[in-house]
N, C-alpha and C. Protein backbone atom coordinates (compact mmCIF):
# COMPACT_ATOMS: atom_id res chain seq x y z
N MET A 1 -89.48 8.30 84.06
CA MET A 1 -89.94 8.99 82.88
C MET A 1 -89.84 10.49 83.13
N GLU A 2 -89.40 11.21 82.13
CA GLU A 2 -89.25 12.67 82.26
C GLU A 2 -90.18 13.45 81.33
N ALA A 3 -90.35 12.96 80.09
CA ALA A 3 -91.15 13.69 79.10
C ALA A 3 -91.40 12.78 77.90
N ILE A 4 -92.23 13.23 77.03
CA ILE A 4 -92.42 12.56 75.73
C ILE A 4 -91.57 13.30 74.72
N ASP A 5 -90.75 12.58 73.98
CA ASP A 5 -89.90 13.21 72.98
C ASP A 5 -90.68 13.55 71.72
N HIS A 6 -91.49 12.62 71.23
CA HIS A 6 -92.29 12.87 70.03
C HIS A 6 -93.46 11.90 69.99
N VAL A 7 -94.40 12.19 69.11
CA VAL A 7 -95.53 11.31 68.84
C VAL A 7 -95.42 10.88 67.40
N GLN A 8 -95.62 9.60 67.14
CA GLN A 8 -95.58 9.10 65.77
C GLN A 8 -96.99 8.74 65.33
N LEU A 9 -97.36 9.23 64.15
CA LEU A 9 -98.62 8.88 63.51
C LEU A 9 -98.29 8.18 62.20
N ALA A 10 -99.23 7.43 61.70
CA ALA A 10 -99.03 6.76 60.42
C ALA A 10 -99.68 7.55 59.30
N MET A 11 -99.14 7.34 58.11
CA MET A 11 -99.71 7.92 56.90
C MET A 11 -99.59 6.89 55.78
N PRO A 12 -100.42 6.98 54.77
CA PRO A 12 -100.33 6.01 53.68
C PRO A 12 -99.14 6.30 52.78
N ALA A 13 -98.71 5.27 52.09
CA ALA A 13 -97.70 5.44 51.05
C ALA A 13 -98.38 6.03 49.82
N GLY A 14 -97.62 6.69 48.99
CA GLY A 14 -98.18 7.16 47.75
C GLY A 14 -97.79 8.58 47.42
N PRO A 15 -97.88 8.89 46.15
CA PRO A 15 -97.52 10.25 45.72
C PRO A 15 -98.46 11.28 46.32
N GLY A 16 -97.89 12.36 46.76
CA GLY A 16 -98.69 13.46 47.29
C GLY A 16 -98.97 13.39 48.77
N ALA A 17 -98.70 12.25 49.42
CA ALA A 17 -99.03 12.12 50.84
C ALA A 17 -98.20 13.08 51.69
N GLU A 18 -96.92 13.21 51.39
CA GLU A 18 -96.09 14.11 52.18
C GLU A 18 -96.51 15.56 51.99
N SER A 19 -96.92 15.92 50.80
CA SER A 19 -97.41 17.28 50.55
C SER A 19 -98.69 17.55 51.34
N LEU A 20 -99.58 16.56 51.39
CA LEU A 20 -100.80 16.71 52.18
C LEU A 20 -100.46 16.90 53.66
N ALA A 21 -99.51 16.09 54.15
CA ALA A 21 -99.10 16.21 55.54
C ALA A 21 -98.51 17.59 55.81
N GLN A 22 -97.67 18.07 54.91
CA GLN A 22 -97.05 19.38 55.10
C GLN A 22 -98.09 20.49 55.08
N GLY A 23 -99.04 20.40 54.17
CA GLY A 23 -100.10 21.41 54.12
C GLY A 23 -100.90 21.48 55.40
N PHE A 24 -101.12 20.34 56.03
CA PHE A 24 -101.91 20.30 57.26
C PHE A 24 -101.07 20.68 58.48
N PHE A 25 -100.01 19.92 58.72
CA PHE A 25 -99.24 20.11 59.96
C PHE A 25 -98.45 21.41 59.97
N GLU A 26 -97.86 21.77 58.84
CA GLU A 26 -97.11 23.02 58.78
C GLU A 26 -98.01 24.18 58.38
N GLY A 27 -98.76 23.99 57.29
CA GLY A 27 -99.57 25.08 56.77
C GLY A 27 -100.71 25.51 57.67
N LEU A 28 -101.40 24.55 58.27
CA LEU A 28 -102.56 24.89 59.10
C LEU A 28 -102.24 24.92 60.60
N LEU A 29 -101.50 23.92 61.08
CA LEU A 29 -101.21 23.87 62.51
C LEU A 29 -99.98 24.68 62.90
N GLY A 30 -99.15 25.05 61.93
CA GLY A 30 -97.99 25.88 62.23
C GLY A 30 -96.82 25.13 62.84
N ILE A 31 -96.75 23.81 62.60
CA ILE A 31 -95.63 22.99 63.10
C ILE A 31 -94.68 22.79 61.92
N THR A 32 -93.48 23.31 62.00
CA THR A 32 -92.54 23.35 60.89
C THR A 32 -92.05 21.96 60.50
N ARG A 33 -92.01 21.71 59.20
CA ARG A 33 -91.42 20.46 58.71
C ARG A 33 -89.91 20.55 58.85
N VAL A 34 -89.32 19.51 59.40
CA VAL A 34 -87.86 19.44 59.57
C VAL A 34 -87.35 18.22 58.81
N PRO A 35 -86.09 18.28 58.33
CA PRO A 35 -85.56 17.13 57.60
C PRO A 35 -85.41 15.91 58.50
N LYS A 36 -85.73 14.76 57.95
CA LYS A 36 -85.46 13.50 58.65
C LYS A 36 -83.99 13.17 58.47
N PRO A 37 -83.40 12.45 59.40
CA PRO A 37 -82.02 12.00 59.19
C PRO A 37 -81.93 11.21 57.88
N PRO A 38 -80.83 11.38 57.13
CA PRO A 38 -80.72 10.72 55.82
C PRO A 38 -80.99 9.22 55.84
N GLU A 39 -80.55 8.54 56.89
CA GLU A 39 -80.75 7.10 56.94
C GLU A 39 -82.22 6.72 57.13
N LEU A 40 -83.06 7.65 57.57
CA LEU A 40 -84.49 7.40 57.73
C LEU A 40 -85.32 7.99 56.59
N ALA A 41 -84.79 8.97 55.89
CA ALA A 41 -85.55 9.66 54.84
C ALA A 41 -85.97 8.71 53.73
N ALA A 42 -85.17 7.71 53.46
CA ALA A 42 -85.50 6.77 52.38
C ALA A 42 -86.77 5.98 52.66
N ARG A 43 -87.18 5.91 53.91
CA ARG A 43 -88.40 5.17 54.28
C ARG A 43 -89.67 5.95 53.95
N GLY A 44 -89.53 7.24 53.65
CA GLY A 44 -90.69 8.09 53.42
C GLY A 44 -91.21 8.65 54.73
N GLY A 45 -92.26 9.40 54.64
CA GLY A 45 -92.82 10.04 55.82
C GLY A 45 -92.17 11.40 56.04
N CYS A 46 -92.57 12.08 57.09
CA CYS A 46 -92.02 13.40 57.37
C CYS A 46 -92.17 13.73 58.85
N TRP A 47 -91.32 14.66 59.28
CA TRP A 47 -91.30 15.09 60.67
C TRP A 47 -91.64 16.57 60.76
N PHE A 48 -92.34 16.93 61.86
CA PHE A 48 -92.73 18.31 62.12
C PHE A 48 -92.38 18.64 63.56
N GLU A 49 -91.82 19.83 63.77
CA GLU A 49 -91.43 20.24 65.12
C GLU A 49 -91.66 21.73 65.32
N ARG A 50 -92.11 22.05 66.52
CA ARG A 50 -92.25 23.45 66.95
C ARG A 50 -92.01 23.47 68.45
N GLY A 51 -90.81 23.87 68.84
CA GLY A 51 -90.44 23.82 70.25
C GLY A 51 -90.52 22.38 70.74
N PRO A 52 -91.22 22.15 71.86
CA PRO A 52 -91.30 20.79 72.39
C PRO A 52 -92.29 19.89 71.65
N VAL A 53 -93.08 20.45 70.73
CA VAL A 53 -94.06 19.66 69.98
C VAL A 53 -93.36 19.00 68.80
N LYS A 54 -93.36 17.67 68.79
CA LYS A 54 -92.72 16.91 67.71
C LYS A 54 -93.67 15.82 67.25
N ILE A 55 -94.06 15.89 65.99
CA ILE A 55 -94.93 14.88 65.40
C ILE A 55 -94.21 14.28 64.21
N HIS A 56 -94.05 12.97 64.24
CA HIS A 56 -93.42 12.24 63.14
C HIS A 56 -94.50 11.44 62.43
N LEU A 57 -94.50 11.48 61.11
CA LEU A 57 -95.41 10.66 60.34
C LEU A 57 -94.60 9.62 59.58
N GLY A 58 -94.94 8.36 59.83
CA GLY A 58 -94.26 7.25 59.17
C GLY A 58 -95.19 6.57 58.19
N VAL A 59 -94.63 6.13 57.09
CA VAL A 59 -95.42 5.47 56.05
C VAL A 59 -95.73 4.03 56.45
N GLU A 60 -96.99 3.65 56.30
CA GLU A 60 -97.42 2.26 56.50
C GLU A 60 -98.09 1.78 55.23
N GLU A 61 -97.59 0.67 54.71
CA GLU A 61 -98.18 0.11 53.48
C GLU A 61 -99.64 -0.29 53.70
N ASP A 62 -99.93 -0.89 54.84
CA ASP A 62 -101.30 -1.32 55.17
C ASP A 62 -101.91 -0.29 56.13
N PHE A 63 -101.96 0.96 55.68
CA PHE A 63 -102.35 2.08 56.52
C PHE A 63 -103.81 2.01 56.95
N ARG A 64 -104.03 2.28 58.23
CA ARG A 64 -105.36 2.50 58.79
C ARG A 64 -105.25 3.69 59.73
N PRO A 65 -106.10 4.71 59.60
CA PRO A 65 -105.99 5.88 60.47
C PRO A 65 -106.29 5.55 61.92
N ALA A 66 -105.64 6.30 62.80
CA ALA A 66 -105.90 6.19 64.24
C ALA A 66 -107.15 7.02 64.54
N ARG A 67 -108.24 6.36 64.83
CA ARG A 67 -109.49 7.07 65.06
C ARG A 67 -109.79 7.24 66.55
N LYS A 68 -109.11 6.49 67.40
CA LYS A 68 -109.31 6.61 68.85
C LYS A 68 -108.03 7.18 69.49
N ALA A 69 -106.91 6.52 69.27
CA ALA A 69 -105.63 7.01 69.79
C ALA A 69 -105.33 8.35 69.11
N HIS A 70 -104.72 9.28 69.86
CA HIS A 70 -104.49 10.60 69.28
C HIS A 70 -103.52 11.41 70.12
N PRO A 71 -102.81 12.33 69.49
CA PRO A 71 -102.09 13.34 70.26
C PRO A 71 -103.06 14.47 70.61
N ALA A 72 -102.80 15.14 71.72
CA ALA A 72 -103.58 16.31 72.12
C ALA A 72 -102.64 17.51 72.11
N LEU A 73 -102.97 18.50 71.28
CA LEU A 73 -102.12 19.67 71.12
C LEU A 73 -102.73 20.86 71.85
N VAL A 74 -101.92 21.55 72.64
CA VAL A 74 -102.36 22.75 73.35
C VAL A 74 -102.24 23.93 72.40
N VAL A 75 -103.32 24.68 72.22
CA VAL A 75 -103.41 25.73 71.21
C VAL A 75 -103.74 27.07 71.87
N SER A 76 -103.00 28.12 71.48
CA SER A 76 -103.25 29.44 72.08
C SER A 76 -104.46 30.14 71.46
N ASP A 77 -104.66 30.07 70.16
CA ASP A 77 -105.82 30.71 69.51
C ASP A 77 -106.72 29.61 68.95
N LEU A 78 -107.39 28.92 69.84
CA LEU A 78 -108.21 27.78 69.42
C LEU A 78 -109.33 28.19 68.47
N ASP A 79 -110.02 29.29 68.78
CA ASP A 79 -111.12 29.73 67.91
C ASP A 79 -110.62 30.03 66.50
N GLY A 80 -109.51 30.75 66.40
CA GLY A 80 -108.95 31.08 65.09
C GLY A 80 -108.50 29.85 64.33
N LEU A 81 -107.86 28.92 65.04
CA LEU A 81 -107.41 27.69 64.38
C LEU A 81 -108.60 26.87 63.91
N CYS A 82 -109.63 26.76 64.73
CA CYS A 82 -110.83 26.01 64.34
C CYS A 82 -111.48 26.60 63.09
N ARG A 83 -111.55 27.92 63.03
CA ARG A 83 -112.12 28.57 61.83
C ARG A 83 -111.26 28.25 60.60
N SER A 84 -109.95 28.35 60.76
CA SER A 84 -109.03 28.08 59.65
C SER A 84 -109.14 26.62 59.19
N LEU A 85 -109.22 25.70 60.13
CA LEU A 85 -109.35 24.28 59.78
C LEU A 85 -110.67 24.03 59.07
N ASP A 86 -111.76 24.58 59.60
CA ASP A 86 -113.08 24.41 58.97
C ASP A 86 -113.07 24.94 57.54
N ARG A 87 -112.52 26.14 57.34
CA ARG A 87 -112.46 26.74 56.00
C ARG A 87 -111.60 25.92 55.05
N SER A 88 -110.64 25.20 55.58
CA SER A 88 -109.72 24.41 54.75
C SER A 88 -110.21 22.99 54.50
N GLY A 89 -111.43 22.69 54.92
CA GLY A 89 -111.98 21.36 54.66
C GLY A 89 -111.64 20.32 55.71
N HIS A 90 -111.22 20.78 56.89
CA HIS A 90 -110.93 19.88 58.02
C HIS A 90 -111.87 20.26 59.16
N PRO A 91 -113.12 19.78 59.13
CA PRO A 91 -114.09 20.19 60.14
C PRO A 91 -113.66 19.79 61.55
N VAL A 92 -113.87 20.71 62.47
CA VAL A 92 -113.54 20.49 63.87
C VAL A 92 -114.83 20.11 64.59
N ARG A 93 -114.73 19.10 65.46
CA ARG A 93 -115.88 18.62 66.22
C ARG A 93 -115.63 18.90 67.70
N ARG A 94 -116.59 19.55 68.35
CA ARG A 94 -116.48 19.84 69.78
C ARG A 94 -117.30 18.82 70.56
N THR A 95 -116.72 18.33 71.63
CA THR A 95 -117.43 17.41 72.52
C THR A 95 -117.18 17.84 73.96
N GLU A 96 -117.91 17.22 74.86
CA GLU A 96 -117.64 17.40 76.28
C GLU A 96 -117.83 16.03 76.94
N ASP A 97 -117.03 15.06 76.47
CA ASP A 97 -117.10 13.71 77.02
C ASP A 97 -116.69 13.68 78.49
N VAL A 98 -115.75 14.57 78.85
CA VAL A 98 -115.36 14.72 80.25
C VAL A 98 -116.13 15.95 80.76
N PRO A 99 -117.08 15.76 81.68
CA PRO A 99 -117.90 16.89 82.13
C PRO A 99 -117.05 18.08 82.59
N GLY A 100 -117.41 19.26 82.08
CA GLY A 100 -116.71 20.48 82.45
C GLY A 100 -115.40 20.70 81.71
N ARG A 101 -115.06 19.80 80.79
CA ARG A 101 -113.81 19.94 80.05
C ARG A 101 -114.07 19.75 78.55
N PRO A 102 -114.40 20.82 77.86
CA PRO A 102 -114.67 20.68 76.43
C PRO A 102 -113.42 20.22 75.67
N GLN A 103 -113.66 19.47 74.60
CA GLN A 103 -112.58 18.97 73.76
C GLN A 103 -112.95 19.25 72.30
N TRP A 104 -111.93 19.46 71.49
CA TRP A 104 -112.10 19.69 70.06
C TRP A 104 -111.26 18.66 69.32
N TYR A 105 -111.84 18.07 68.28
CA TYR A 105 -111.14 17.05 67.50
C TYR A 105 -111.19 17.41 66.02
N VAL A 106 -110.10 17.10 65.33
CA VAL A 106 -110.02 17.28 63.88
C VAL A 106 -109.28 16.08 63.32
N GLY A 107 -109.59 15.73 62.08
CA GLY A 107 -108.86 14.66 61.40
C GLY A 107 -107.77 15.26 60.54
N ASP A 108 -106.59 14.64 60.55
CA ASP A 108 -105.55 15.08 59.62
C ASP A 108 -105.94 14.61 58.21
N PRO A 109 -105.18 14.91 57.19
CA PRO A 109 -105.59 14.54 55.83
C PRO A 109 -105.77 13.04 55.61
N PHE A 110 -105.28 12.23 56.55
CA PHE A 110 -105.34 10.78 56.40
C PHE A 110 -106.36 10.14 57.33
N GLY A 111 -107.07 10.96 58.12
CA GLY A 111 -108.09 10.45 59.01
C GLY A 111 -107.62 10.20 60.43
N ASN A 112 -106.36 10.49 60.75
CA ASN A 112 -105.88 10.36 62.12
C ASN A 112 -106.54 11.43 62.99
N ARG A 113 -106.93 11.04 64.18
CA ARG A 113 -107.61 11.95 65.11
C ARG A 113 -106.58 12.81 65.83
N ILE A 114 -106.84 14.12 65.89
CA ILE A 114 -106.01 15.08 66.60
C ILE A 114 -106.91 15.85 67.56
N GLU A 115 -106.54 15.90 68.83
CA GLU A 115 -107.30 16.69 69.80
C GLU A 115 -106.65 18.06 69.95
N LEU A 116 -107.47 19.07 70.07
CA LEU A 116 -107.02 20.43 70.26
C LEU A 116 -107.52 20.92 71.62
N ILE A 117 -106.61 21.44 72.43
CA ILE A 117 -106.95 21.87 73.79
C ILE A 117 -106.56 23.34 73.94
N PRO A 118 -107.46 24.17 74.49
CA PRO A 118 -107.09 25.57 74.69
C PRO A 118 -106.06 25.72 75.80
N VAL A 119 -105.25 26.78 75.68
CA VAL A 119 -104.25 27.09 76.72
C VAL A 119 -104.96 27.34 78.02
């Protein structure tokens, strides 16, 4: 094993779901939406990439958010991002489940858990 190429999360089917994903992942987290290959675009969902960070969202008809499994994103301005997320209706929760290692969690628009880690 050398690296992780991307992380896939699920999202519900339906009108407006891709716009919600774009508003969160691109608008708030700063991960640019990139076109899916044409043969995959018909399935719905969307992809976001910023350097080595790649998050793909795939549509699931019987969608259930990932509340335990999650990607952990390393963030340079964690305080600023947390304020922005809170103001945008995505409350950030801080925990210290691992002693001496604080963690921050936020839900994407579909309820998937995202961990935020300071640089």
